[in-house]
């Protein structure tokens, strides 16, 4: 029997938006002249505090580069800043179309995303469909990040629903497990077709 869902909550990067763009990743590595493995290990090791909103953009990049023992010009620094933001601000057409077709059946619609404060204005300004959502919780605004339990509880509370009546979709299995531990239903997003199959097999909105 399919479970009725009153609220759907979506991650942004990799779900509402596309995965980080390959050309942007290459652009950042080219700018600093370092191999992908080393660069992105440092990039993601520091990322949670940037997403949490506890360090600034400059503090974030200073730490990333310090771990790589790199010194760069201000021009290259600005290139990294611009390309990093562009790499995450995108639209997953298939998922947006799914939400458009089903929005009237969704009692509540939310966003829960680990996102630096610097990126949020671009998302709000570039995508009119953000207005479809009843509430968007960006990690930087509450100084919490997924998969911490409290951030899931916070978005459910803001939507006025118990976690058990919410379905969370994220491309990170760690974040999906965090949602389940908080009492939510959750789907690990790998691609749109597998998401749709799992959703239609197990859940209903009406």
Protein backbone atom coordinates (compact mmCIF):
# COMPACT_ATOMS: atom_id res chain seq x y z
CA UNK A 1 0.00 0.00 0.00
CA UNK A 2 1.34 3.40 -0.96
CA UNK A 3 2.00 5.85 1.85
CA UNK A 4 0.27 9.21 1.66
CA UNK A 5 2.70 12.13 1.75
CA UNK A 6 1.61 15.59 2.84
CA UNK A 7 4.91 17.38 2.37
CA UNK A 8 7.72 16.97 -0.14
CA UNK A 9 11.14 18.40 0.70
CA UNK A 10 13.87 18.69 -1.93
CA UNK A 11 17.60 19.20 -1.79
CA UNK A 12 18.84 21.84 -4.22
CA UNK A 13 22.24 20.87 -5.68
CA UNK A 14 21.92 17.58 -7.53
CA UNK A 15 18.11 17.37 -7.21
CA UNK A 16 16.35 20.66 -8.03
CA UNK A 17 19.59 21.68 -9.67
CA UNK A 18 22.04 19.57 -11.63
CA UNK A 19 25.17 17.99 -10.15
CA UNK A 20 28.20 20.25 -10.04
CA UNK A 21 29.12 21.00 -13.64
CA UNK A 22 32.20 19.19 -14.99
CA UNK A 23 33.37 22.22 -16.96
CA UNK A 24 33.25 24.33 -13.81
CA UNK A 25 35.23 21.72 -11.86
CA UNK A 26 37.82 21.72 -14.63
CA UNK A 27 37.85 25.52 -14.62
CA UNK A 28 38.69 25.68 -10.93
CA UNK A 29 41.48 23.12 -11.25
CA UNK A 30 42.91 24.88 -14.29
CA UNK A 31 42.92 28.19 -12.42
CA UNK A 32 45.10 26.79 -9.64
CA UNK A 33 47.03 24.22 -11.69
CA UNK A 34 46.47 21.18 -9.51
CA UNK A 35 45.03 17.68 -9.98
CA UNK A 36 41.37 16.93 -9.33
CA UNK A 37 41.75 14.52 -6.41
CA UNK A 38 43.89 16.84 -4.30
CA UNK A 39 41.88 19.92 -5.15
CA UNK A 40 38.44 18.54 -4.37
CA UNK A 41 39.55 16.75 -1.22
CA UNK A 42 40.52 20.12 0.20
CA UNK A 43 37.46 21.80 -1.37
CA UNK A 44 35.00 19.44 0.36
CA UNK A 45 36.93 19.01 3.63
CA UNK A 46 36.23 22.66 4.47
CA UNK A 47 32.84 22.93 2.81
CA UNK A 48 30.56 22.11 5.72
CA UNK A 49 31.57 25.22 7.65
CA UNK A 50 31.05 27.39 4.57
CA UNK A 51 27.61 25.83 4.08
CA UNK A 52 26.91 26.29 7.79
CA UNK A 53 27.57 30.00 7.48
CA UNK A 54 30.28 30.07 10.14
CA UNK A 55 33.04 31.20 7.76
CA UNK A 56 33.05 33.73 4.95
CA UNK A 57 33.76 33.03 1.31
CA UNK A 58 37.27 34.45 1.65
CA UNK A 59 37.94 32.43 4.80
CA UNK A 60 36.73 29.31 3.03
CA UNK A 61 38.97 29.71 -0.01
CA UNK A 62 41.93 30.81 2.12
CA UNK A 63 41.68 27.55 4.07
CA UNK A 64 41.19 25.42 0.93
CA UNK A 65 44.28 26.90 -0.67
CA UNK A 66 46.33 26.77 2.54
CA UNK A 67 45.74 23.02 2.76
CA UNK A 68 47.04 22.73 -0.80
CA UNK A 69 49.98 25.02 0.02
CA UNK A 70 48.99 27.34 -2.80
CA UNK A 71 49.29 31.10 -3.11
CA UNK A 72 47.30 32.77 -5.86
CA UNK A 73 46.64 36.24 -7.24
CA UNK A 74 43.49 38.19 -6.44
CA UNK A 75 42.39 37.72 -10.05
CA UNK A 76 42.55 33.93 -9.77
CA UNK A 77 40.81 34.12 -6.40
CA UNK A 78 37.91 35.98 -8.01
CA UNK A 79 37.81 33.38 -10.79
CA UNK A 80 37.46 30.61 -8.22
CA UNK A 81 34.65 32.48 -6.48
CA UNK A 82 32.67 33.06 -9.69
CA UNK A 83 33.16 29.59 -11.15
CA UNK A 84 32.30 27.89 -7.84
CA UNK A 85 28.96 29.66 -7.65
CA UNK A 86 28.15 29.03 -11.31
CA UNK A 87 28.92 25.33 -10.83
CA UNK A 88 26.02 24.89 -8.39
CA UNK A 89 23.37 27.33 -9.64
CA UNK A 90 21.54 25.31 -12.29
CA UNK A 91 18.15 23.74 -12.99
CA UNK A 92 17.10 20.10 -13.25
CA UNK A 93 14.38 20.46 -15.89
CA UNK A 94 12.90 17.01 -15.29
CA UNK A 95 12.45 17.53 -11.56
CA UNK A 96 11.07 21.04 -11.99
CA UNK A 97 8.55 19.70 -14.50
CA UNK A 98 7.58 16.93 -12.03
CA UNK A 99 6.91 19.52 -9.34
CA UNK A 100 4.99 21.74 -11.76
CA UNK A 101 2.70 18.85 -12.73
CA UNK A 102 2.12 17.74 -9.13
CA UNK A 103 2.21 20.99 -7.16
CA UNK A 104 -1.56 21.22 -6.73
CA UNK A 105 -1.55 17.79 -5.03
CA UNK A 106 1.27 18.69 -2.66
CA UNK A 107 -0.06 20.07 0.62
CA UNK A 108 3.35 21.49 1.52
CA UNK A 109 6.50 21.93 -0.53
CA UNK A 110 9.92 22.70 0.91
CA UNK A 111 13.62 23.00 0.17
CA UNK A 112 16.33 21.80 2.54
CA UNK A 113 19.80 22.49 1.20
CA UNK A 114 23.36 22.80 2.44
CA UNK A 115 24.18 26.07 0.72
CA UNK A 116 26.57 29.00 1.35
CA UNK A 117 24.92 32.37 1.86
CA UNK A 118 26.75 33.77 -1.18
CA UNK A 119 24.84 31.44 -3.53
CA UNK A 120 21.29 31.92 -2.27
CA UNK A 121 20.59 35.30 -3.98
CA UNK A 122 21.55 33.84 -7.38
CA UNK A 123 19.18 30.92 -6.87
CA UNK A 124 16.31 33.18 -5.86
CA UNK A 125 16.95 35.62 -8.71
CA UNK A 126 17.41 33.06 -11.48
CA UNK A 127 14.57 30.61 -10.86
CA UNK A 128 10.99 31.82 -10.66
CA UNK A 129 9.83 28.39 -9.53
CA UNK A 130 11.33 29.06 -6.11
CA UNK A 131 8.03 30.86 -5.45
CA UNK A 132 6.19 27.52 -5.60
CA UNK A 133 7.78 26.46 -2.32
CA UNK A 134 6.13 27.12 1.01
CA UNK A 135 9.48 27.29 2.79
CA UNK A 136 13.17 27.06 1.91
CA UNK A 137 15.67 26.27 4.62
CA UNK A 138 19.26 27.07 3.62
CA UNK A 139 21.89 25.71 6.00
CA UNK A 140 23.69 29.06 6.14
CA UNK A 141 20.62 30.73 7.67
CA UNK A 142 20.41 28.42 10.68
CA UNK A 143 24.10 27.45 11.14
CA UNK A 144 23.24 23.77 10.80
CA UNK A 145 23.95 21.30 8.02
CA UNK A 146 22.57 17.97 6.86
CA UNK A 147 22.73 15.27 8.13
CA UNK A 148 22.31 16.86 11.58
CA UNK A 149 18.95 15.80 13.01
CA UNK A 150 17.80 19.26 14.08
CA UNK A 151 17.84 20.70 10.56
CA UNK A 152 15.30 18.10 9.37
CA UNK A 153 13.12 18.75 12.38
CA UNK A 154 13.33 22.49 11.72
CA UNK A 155 12.10 22.29 8.12
CA UNK A 156 9.24 19.94 9.07
CA UNK A 157 8.20 22.34 11.83
CA UNK A 158 8.28 25.30 9.44
CA UNK A 159 6.03 23.38 7.06
CA UNK A 160 3.68 22.59 9.94
CA UNK A 161 3.96 18.84 9.48
CA UNK A 162 5.25 15.91 11.53
CA UNK A 163 8.43 14.42 10.01
CA UNK A 164 6.61 11.12 9.40
CA UNK A 165 4.35 12.81 6.83
CA UNK A 166 7.25 14.32 4.87
CA UNK A 167 9.20 12.84 1.96
CA UNK A 168 12.78 14.09 1.56
CA UNK A 169 14.78 13.75 -1.67
CA UNK A 170 18.58 14.16 -1.75
CA UNK A 171 21.44 12.96 -3.95
CA UNK A 172 23.61 12.23 -0.88
CA UNK A 173 22.92 8.89 0.80
CA UNK A 174 24.32 10.29 4.05
CA UNK A 175 21.72 13.06 4.01
CA UNK A 176 18.98 10.58 3.10
CA UNK A 177 19.93 8.42 6.08
CA UNK A 178 19.86 11.53 8.27
CA UNK A 179 16.31 12.26 7.15
CA UNK A 180 15.21 8.70 7.88
CA UNK A 181 16.79 8.87 11.33
CA UNK A 182 14.72 12.00 11.95
CA UNK A 183 11.55 10.09 11.07
CA UNK A 184 11.04 11.18 7.46
CA UNK A 185 10.44 9.08 4.40
CA UNK A 186 13.33 9.60 2.00
CA UNK A 187 14.47 8.81 -1.54
CA UNK A 188 18.11 8.72 -2.59
CA UNK A 189 18.16 10.62 -5.88
CA UNK A 190 20.44 9.00 -8.47
CA UNK A 191 18.63 10.03 -11.64
CA UNK A 192 15.14 11.18 -12.50
CA UNK A 193 13.82 7.90 -13.89
CA UNK A 194 14.77 5.87 -10.81
CA UNK A 195 13.37 8.60 -8.56
CA UNK A 196 10.06 8.57 -10.40
CA UNK A 197 9.83 4.79 -10.28
CA UNK A 198 10.45 4.71 -6.52
CA UNK A 199 8.08 7.59 -5.88
CA UNK A 200 5.20 6.12 -7.91
CA UNK A 201 5.73 2.65 -6.42
CA UNK A 202 5.69 3.71 -2.78
CA UNK A 203 3.99 7.08 -2.29
CA UNK A 204 0.87 9.04 -3.11
CA UNK A 205 -0.02 12.69 -2.64
CA UNK A 206 -3.81 12.40 -2.53
